[in-house]
Each structure stands twice: as structure tokens, then as C-alpha cells.
Amino acid sequence: MKEQFGVQVFELVFLDHWKDGYLPDTKLLEECGLIQKGTVLLADNVICPGTPDYLEYVCNSSRYNSHYDRSHLEYTKAEDGLEKSVSLLLYSCRITVV
């Protein structure tokens, strides 16, 4: 992203894809230095179908200040929600291009 598109950091990341990809994709963005202090992660559908590994990571990490906003799954009364996490730390890129 940095070399191809000139993106140095993301200010906002909206996660709304395959739920099992939320955590590995977040960690990849951290490793690439694309998440920096102040970056906001918005993760949709964290309850239904759910992303327990992602929630555990952002909610129990000193790297993020997280808040859950309760809502309902579309067209149902089933609880769902959006997790808003704000990055508190600076990350350095850990990937070396050879």
C-alpha cells in the first residue's frame, strides 16, 4: 500500500468482510505500520455472526481504547453491534523488503 499507492497511514479502517479475517488483517496493518496512534478501527457485525478473537484482541490490549455500540442485525431483533477501537500506540514497520 505504501509503495504502490503512497498511503502512509490509515486514519479509518472499516472492517466488514469475512469475520475470521478481522484479526489477521488488523495485525497485518499493524505490522505494515498503516495503523498509527489515532487510527480508528470500526468493526461491524462483531456479535452476529461474531468475531470473538478480534474482540478479545482489541478489548484486552493496551494498544487500543475500544467501545461497543449495540445494535440489531438487519431485519431482525437479534443483537449485533459495532466495535470502535482507537489506536493508542505508534507502530513501526516490521516487514523488510529484500
Protein backbone atom coordinates (compact mmCIF):
# COMPACT_ATOMS: atom_id res chain seq x y z
CA MET A 1 0.00 0.00 0.00
CA LYS A 2 2.75 2.41 0.93
CA GLU A 3 4.82 1.91 -2.22
CA GLN A 4 2.04 1.27 -4.73
CA PHE A 5 -0.47 3.91 -3.60
CA GLY A 6 1.61 6.27 -1.46
CA VAL A 7 -0.53 5.59 1.64
CA GLN A 8 1.50 6.22 4.78
CA VAL A 9 -1.18 5.59 7.42
CA PHE A 10 -4.90 4.88 7.62
CA GLU A 11 -6.98 7.27 9.68
CA LEU A 12 -10.04 4.99 9.49
CA VAL A 13 -10.37 1.26 8.85
CA PHE A 14 -13.88 -0.17 8.37
CA LEU A 15 -13.95 -3.94 8.87
CA ASP A 16 -16.99 -5.55 7.26
CA HIS A 17 -15.73 -8.60 5.38
CA TRP A 18 -15.10 -12.26 6.33
CA LYS A 19 -15.28 -12.20 10.12
CA ASP A 20 -12.37 -14.61 10.57
CA GLY A 21 -10.22 -12.10 8.69
CA TYR A 22 -10.71 -9.19 11.10
CA LEU A 23 -7.89 -10.14 13.47
CA PRO A 24 -5.23 -11.26 10.95
CA ASP A 25 -5.95 -8.24 8.74
CA THR A 26 -5.67 -5.88 11.72
CA LYS A 27 -2.36 -7.44 12.74
CA LEU A 28 -1.08 -7.17 9.16
CA LEU A 29 -1.97 -3.48 9.06
CA GLU A 30 -0.12 -3.02 12.37
CA GLU A 31 2.95 -4.84 11.06
CA CYS A 32 2.98 -2.69 7.93
CA GLY A 33 2.81 0.49 10.00
CA LEU A 34 -0.52 1.51 8.44
CA ILE A 35 -2.19 1.77 11.87
CA GLN A 36 -0.75 4.56 13.97
CA LYS A 37 -1.78 6.48 17.07
CA GLY A 38 -5.28 7.83 16.49
CA THR A 39 -6.28 5.37 13.75
CA VAL A 40 -9.92 4.36 14.24
CA LEU A 41 -10.98 0.76 13.59
CA LEU A 42 -14.72 0.22 13.09
CA ALA A 43 -15.62 -3.47 13.11
CA ASP A 44 -19.16 -4.35 12.05
CA ASN A 45 -21.13 -7.49 12.99
CA VAL A 46 -18.93 -8.33 15.96
CA ILE A 47 -21.70 -10.28 17.74
CA CYS A 48 -23.63 -11.88 14.86
CA PRO A 49 -22.05 -13.77 13.20
CA GLY A 50 -19.32 -12.65 15.58
CA THR A 51 -15.58 -12.09 15.83
CA PRO A 52 -14.60 -13.32 19.31
CA ASP A 53 -10.85 -13.46 18.60
CA TYR A 54 -10.85 -9.91 17.25
CA LEU A 55 -12.91 -8.61 20.19
CA GLU A 56 -10.61 -10.29 22.69
CA TYR A 57 -7.58 -8.74 20.98
CA VAL A 58 -8.80 -5.13 20.81
CA CYS A 59 -10.69 -5.13 24.12
CA ASN A 60 -7.88 -6.65 26.20
CA SER A 61 -4.98 -4.90 24.53
CA SER A 62 -3.24 -1.80 25.82
CA ARG A 63 -2.85 -0.87 22.14
CA TYR A 64 -6.50 0.17 21.76
CA ASN A 65 -9.24 2.07 23.53
CA SER A 66 -12.38 0.17 22.50
CA HIS A 67 -16.10 0.77 22.85
CA TYR A 68 -19.02 -1.46 21.83
CA ASP A 69 -22.10 0.14 20.27
CA ARG A 70 -25.08 -2.17 20.46
CA SER A 71 -27.47 -2.51 17.53
CA HIS A 72 -29.58 -5.16 15.85
CA LEU A 73 -28.85 -7.43 12.93
CA GLU A 74 -30.56 -6.19 9.79
CA TYR A 75 -34.26 -7.05 9.61
CA THR A 76 -34.22 -8.95 12.92
CA LYS A 77 -34.27 -8.38 16.66
CA ALA A 78 -31.01 -10.31 17.11
CA GLU A 79 -28.35 -8.32 18.94
CA ASP A 80 -25.35 -7.24 16.95
CA GLY A 81 -23.01 -4.34 17.19
CA LEU A 82 -20.09 -2.25 16.09
CA GLU A 83 -16.77 -2.17 17.94
CA LYS A 84 -14.94 1.15 17.74
CA SER A 85 -11.26 0.92 18.62
CA VAL A 86 -8.83 3.83 18.63
CA SER A 87 -5.14 3.02 18.36
CA LEU A 88 -3.09 4.36 21.25
CA LEU A 89 0.39 3.40 20.07
CA LEU A 90 2.78 4.08 17.24
CA TYR A 91 3.85 1.05 15.24
CA SER A 92 6.99 0.68 13.21
CA CYS A 93 7.05 -1.38 10.05
CA ARG A 94 8.37 -4.86 10.73
CA ILE A 95 8.38 -6.09 7.12
CA THR A 96 11.70 -5.95 5.33
CA VAL A 97 11.74 -5.73 1.54
CA VAL A 98 14.72 -7.57 0.09
